[in-house]
Protein backbone atom coordinates (compact mmCIF):
# COMPACT_ATOMS: atom_id res chain seq x y z
CA MET A 1 -83.61 -38.68 -23.94
CA GLY A 2 -86.86 -39.98 -25.44
CA THR A 3 -89.90 -37.86 -26.19
CA ILE A 4 -93.61 -38.71 -26.21
CA ARG A 5 -95.56 -37.17 -29.07
CA ASN A 6 -99.29 -36.35 -28.97
CA GLY A 7 -99.62 -36.72 -25.19
CA ALA A 8 -99.47 -39.79 -22.98
CA ASN A 9 -101.11 -41.97 -25.62
CA GLY A 10 -98.86 -40.84 -28.43
CA GLY A 11 -95.85 -42.49 -30.02
CA PHE A 12 -92.53 -42.67 -28.21
CA LYS A 13 -89.33 -41.65 -29.99
CA GLY A 14 -85.77 -41.83 -28.75
CA LYS A 15 -83.90 -43.72 -26.03
CA ALA A 16 -85.03 -44.12 -22.46
CA GLY A 17 -83.05 -46.49 -20.27
CA SER A 18 -82.90 -49.87 -21.97
CA ILE A 19 -85.55 -49.21 -24.63
CA ILE A 20 -85.66 -47.33 -27.94
CA GLY A 21 -88.79 -45.87 -29.52
CA SER A 22 -89.15 -45.34 -33.27
CA SER A 23 -91.76 -45.22 -36.02
CA TRP A 24 -92.03 -46.39 -39.64
CA LYS A 25 -94.90 -45.49 -41.98
CA GLY A 26 -96.90 -44.12 -39.06
CA ILE A 27 -96.54 -47.30 -36.99
CA HIS A 28 -94.82 -46.90 -33.61
CA TYR A 29 -92.34 -49.46 -32.28
CA ILE A 30 -90.54 -49.96 -28.97
CA LYS A 31 -87.59 -52.32 -28.77
CA GLY A 32 -84.82 -53.15 -26.35
CA LEU A 33 -81.22 -52.12 -26.80
CA TYR A 34 -79.05 -54.49 -28.79
CA LYS A 35 -77.33 -57.03 -26.59
CA LYS A 36 -74.05 -58.56 -27.63
CA ARG A 37 -74.52 -62.27 -28.38
CA SER A 38 -72.96 -64.36 -25.64
CA LYS A 39 -73.61 -67.74 -27.27
CA PRO A 40 -72.23 -68.83 -30.65
CA ALA A 41 -74.75 -69.01 -33.47
CA THR A 42 -76.37 -72.39 -34.00
CA GLU A 43 -75.91 -74.24 -37.29
CA GLU A 44 -79.50 -73.43 -38.23
CA GLN A 45 -78.85 -69.72 -37.64
CA LEU A 46 -75.67 -69.87 -39.73
CA MET A 47 -77.59 -71.58 -42.52
CA GLN A 48 -80.26 -68.89 -42.53
CA GLN A 49 -77.65 -66.13 -42.45
CA ALA A 50 -75.86 -67.67 -45.43
CA LYS A 51 -79.10 -67.91 -47.44
CA PHE A 52 -80.02 -64.34 -46.54
CA GLY A 53 -76.61 -63.03 -47.57
CA LEU A 54 -76.69 -64.88 -50.89
CA VAL A 55 -80.14 -63.58 -51.85
CA THR A 56 -79.65 -59.98 -50.71
CA LYS A 57 -76.33 -59.72 -52.55
CA PHE A 58 -78.06 -60.88 -55.73
CA LEU A 59 -81.15 -58.64 -55.44
CA PHE A 60 -79.60 -55.43 -54.09
CA PRO A 61 -78.32 -54.08 -57.45
CA ILE A 62 -81.88 -54.25 -58.86
CA LYS A 63 -83.72 -52.98 -55.78
CA ALA A 64 -85.48 -50.31 -57.86
CA LEU A 65 -86.96 -53.05 -60.05
CA ILE A 66 -87.90 -55.12 -57.00
CA ARG A 67 -89.90 -52.16 -55.68
CA ILE A 68 -91.95 -52.39 -58.88
CA GLY A 69 -92.23 -56.16 -59.06
CA TYR A 70 -93.21 -56.56 -55.42
CA GLY A 71 -95.03 -53.25 -55.12
CA GLN A 72 -98.44 -54.88 -54.68
CA LYS A 73 -97.29 -57.65 -52.35
CA ARG A 74 -95.50 -55.57 -49.73
CA ALA A 75 -97.24 -55.30 -46.36
CA ASN A 76 -97.44 -52.41 -43.91
CA THR A 77 -94.56 -53.85 -41.91
CA HIS A 78 -92.51 -55.33 -44.79
CA THR A 79 -90.85 -53.61 -47.72
CA ALA A 80 -90.91 -54.95 -51.25
CA MET A 81 -87.29 -56.06 -50.81
CA ASN A 82 -88.17 -57.90 -47.58
CA MET A 83 -90.88 -59.85 -49.40
CA ALA A 84 -88.63 -60.63 -52.38
CA VAL A 85 -85.81 -61.86 -50.14
CA LYS A 86 -88.21 -64.07 -48.20
CA ASP A 87 -89.67 -65.64 -51.36
CA ASN A 88 -86.28 -66.28 -52.94
CA ILE A 89 -84.80 -67.83 -49.82
CA VAL A 90 -87.66 -70.34 -49.85
CA GLN A 91 -87.85 -70.95 -53.60
CA ALA A 92 -84.53 -70.17 -55.28
CA VAL A 93 -81.75 -71.20 -52.87
CA VAL A 94 -80.41 -74.70 -53.49
CA GLY A 95 -77.53 -76.78 -52.20
CA ASN A 96 -76.22 -77.64 -48.75
CA TYR A 97 -74.62 -75.35 -46.21
CA PRO A 98 -72.19 -73.70 -46.70
CA ASP A 99 -72.27 -74.26 -50.46
CA TYR A 100 -75.56 -72.55 -51.31
CA ALA A 101 -76.34 -71.31 -54.82
CA LEU A 102 -79.27 -69.78 -56.70
CA ASP A 103 -81.46 -71.79 -59.04
CA TYR A 104 -81.94 -69.02 -61.61
CA GLY A 105 -84.97 -70.74 -63.09
CA ARG A 106 -86.81 -70.30 -59.79
CA VAL A 107 -85.77 -66.71 -59.01
CA LYS A 108 -88.70 -64.35 -58.35
CA LEU A 109 -88.46 -60.64 -59.20
CA SER A 110 -92.20 -59.97 -59.04
CA ALA A 111 -95.40 -61.34 -57.57
CA GLY A 112 -98.99 -60.88 -58.65
CA GLY A 113 -102.00 -62.19 -60.51
CA LEU A 114 -101.71 -60.35 -63.82
CA PHE A 115 -101.62 -62.82 -66.71
CA THR A 116 -98.32 -63.28 -68.48
CA ALA A 117 -98.32 -63.19 -72.29
CA GLY A 118 -97.00 -66.66 -73.04
CA ASP A 119 -94.61 -67.74 -75.80
CA GLU A 120 -91.71 -65.93 -74.12
CA ALA A 121 -88.50 -66.64 -76.03
CA MET A 122 -85.12 -65.11 -76.87
CA ALA A 123 -82.37 -65.18 -79.49
CA LEU A 124 -78.84 -63.78 -79.48
CA ASP A 125 -77.17 -62.25 -82.53
CA GLY A 126 -73.68 -61.05 -81.66
CA ARG A 127 -74.24 -58.80 -78.65
CA THR A 128 -77.90 -58.06 -79.50
CA LEU A 129 -80.36 -60.04 -77.40
CA SER A 130 -83.91 -60.22 -78.76
CA ILE A 131 -86.66 -61.12 -76.27
CA SER A 132 -90.15 -61.86 -77.56
CA TRP A 133 -93.62 -62.72 -76.21
CA ASN A 134 -97.19 -63.11 -77.45
CA PRO A 135 -98.41 -59.57 -78.30
CA LEU A 136 -102.11 -60.46 -78.15
CA LYS A 137 -104.09 -59.34 -75.11
CA ASN A 138 -105.79 -62.00 -73.04
CA PRO A 139 -109.53 -61.15 -72.67
CA VAL A 140 -109.48 -62.09 -68.97
CA SER A 141 -106.38 -60.30 -67.70
CA GLY A 142 -103.91 -57.90 -69.29
CA GLU A 143 -103.96 -54.84 -71.53
CA ASP A 144 -102.13 -53.83 -74.69
CA ASP A 145 -100.16 -51.16 -72.82
CA ASP A 146 -98.93 -53.36 -69.95
CA GLY A 147 -95.24 -52.71 -69.39
CA VAL A 148 -92.83 -55.60 -69.96
CA TYR A 149 -89.97 -55.45 -67.46
CA THR A 150 -86.93 -57.38 -68.70
CA VAL A 151 -83.87 -58.36 -66.66
CA VAL A 152 -80.63 -59.93 -67.90
CA TYR A 153 -77.97 -61.14 -65.46
CA HIS A 154 -74.38 -62.18 -66.20
CA PRO A 155 -72.97 -64.22 -63.29
CA GLY A 156 -69.43 -63.93 -64.62
CA SER A 157 -69.38 -60.17 -64.03
CA GLY A 158 -72.15 -60.00 -61.43
CA GLN A 159 -73.87 -57.35 -63.56
CA PHE A 160 -77.46 -56.77 -64.67
CA THR A 161 -78.90 -54.97 -67.68
CA THR A 162 -82.34 -54.25 -69.10
CA ALA A 163 -84.02 -52.52 -72.04
CA ASN A 164 -83.23 -48.82 -72.46
CA VAL A 165 -86.92 -48.09 -73.11
CA LEU A 166 -89.73 -50.01 -71.39
CA PRO A 167 -91.58 -52.05 -74.03
CA ILE A 168 -95.30 -52.79 -73.83
CA ARG A 169 -97.21 -56.03 -74.28
CA SER A 170 -98.60 -55.20 -77.73
CA GLU A 171 -95.10 -54.66 -79.18
CA GLY A 172 -94.26 -58.33 -78.78
CA SER A 173 -90.49 -57.97 -78.57
CA VAL A 174 -87.55 -55.85 -77.45
CA GLU A 175 -83.83 -55.77 -78.22
CA ILE A 176 -81.10 -55.32 -75.61
CA ASN A 177 -77.45 -54.62 -76.41
CA LEU A 178 -75.31 -56.64 -74.02
CA PRO A 179 -72.18 -55.03 -72.53
CA VAL A 180 -68.85 -55.76 -74.22
CA ASN A 181 -67.34 -57.15 -71.01
CA TRP A 182 -69.97 -59.90 -70.96
CA ALA A 183 -68.15 -61.85 -73.67
CA GLY A 184 -67.95 -65.48 -72.64
CA GLY A 185 -70.05 -67.40 -70.20
CA ALA A 186 -73.82 -67.43 -69.86
CA ALA A 187 -76.53 -64.90 -69.08
CA HIS A 188 -79.94 -65.46 -67.53
CA VAL A 189 -83.10 -63.69 -68.65
CA TRP A 190 -86.36 -62.94 -66.83
CA LEU A 191 -89.35 -60.74 -67.45
CA PHE A 192 -92.61 -59.76 -65.82
CA TYR A 193 -95.61 -57.66 -66.79
CA GLY A 194 -97.05 -54.62 -65.06
CA GLU A 195 -100.32 -52.77 -65.58
CA ARG A 196 -99.77 -49.17 -66.71
CA LYS A 197 -100.39 -47.71 -63.23
CA LEU A 198 -98.68 -50.70 -61.55
CA LYS A 199 -101.86 -51.67 -59.72
CA GLU A 200 -101.42 -55.21 -61.04
CA LEU A 201 -98.21 -57.19 -61.59
CA SER A 202 -97.55 -60.65 -62.95
CA ASP A 203 -95.38 -63.38 -61.53
CA THR A 204 -91.87 -63.70 -62.95
CA VAL A 205 -91.20 -65.59 -66.18
CA TYR A 206 -87.76 -67.18 -66.53
CA VAL A 207 -87.08 -66.90 -70.26
CA GLY A 208 -83.92 -68.98 -70.03
CA GLU A 209 -80.15 -69.09 -70.25
CA VAL A 210 -78.16 -67.86 -73.23
CA THR A 211 -74.49 -68.53 -73.99
CA ILE A 212 -72.47 -65.49 -75.03
CA ALA A 213 -69.73 -66.19 -77.58
């Protein structure tokens, strides 16, 4: 049985007949009960479902990082993950149905107007990956203590890693020890910058692909 909160004009919560009332972040919603699909999905629907599944499978393991990277772009009715999935479906999915893949160079893990540092680069020595960037602060946007959020992905294992300690812009570099089981294949590297209180974020920088011996 549904209940009405705060009188006749309040929000409705629960089930009443064929409708369900709920709320999220103080916003009240009413929707109909789920109806079993009687018609087969169209090709366009199957294409969208395939893209959605590909992107969500990739982003889900780093959802905590996505909450940071998309923290300023999320809307009242959309989570940071919703926004990231939407952007990556549009920008990073390539290929033809059903053989979709991700273009790692176009993957977005963050969104914002904070200036990136420039000169982002990397080098691999054994299992130690060094990632570097310009340590000088831009006078228009960015501060010395902006956090630098690094992400490394190994498609062969489906695993991600990052720096053990969050580096800052003025440090200019960070080292990451890659897992032993990543031997062989390639890894992809991204980073983005975040103001100390995360009120400003930068767009994502794809640093590149590195081959692991």
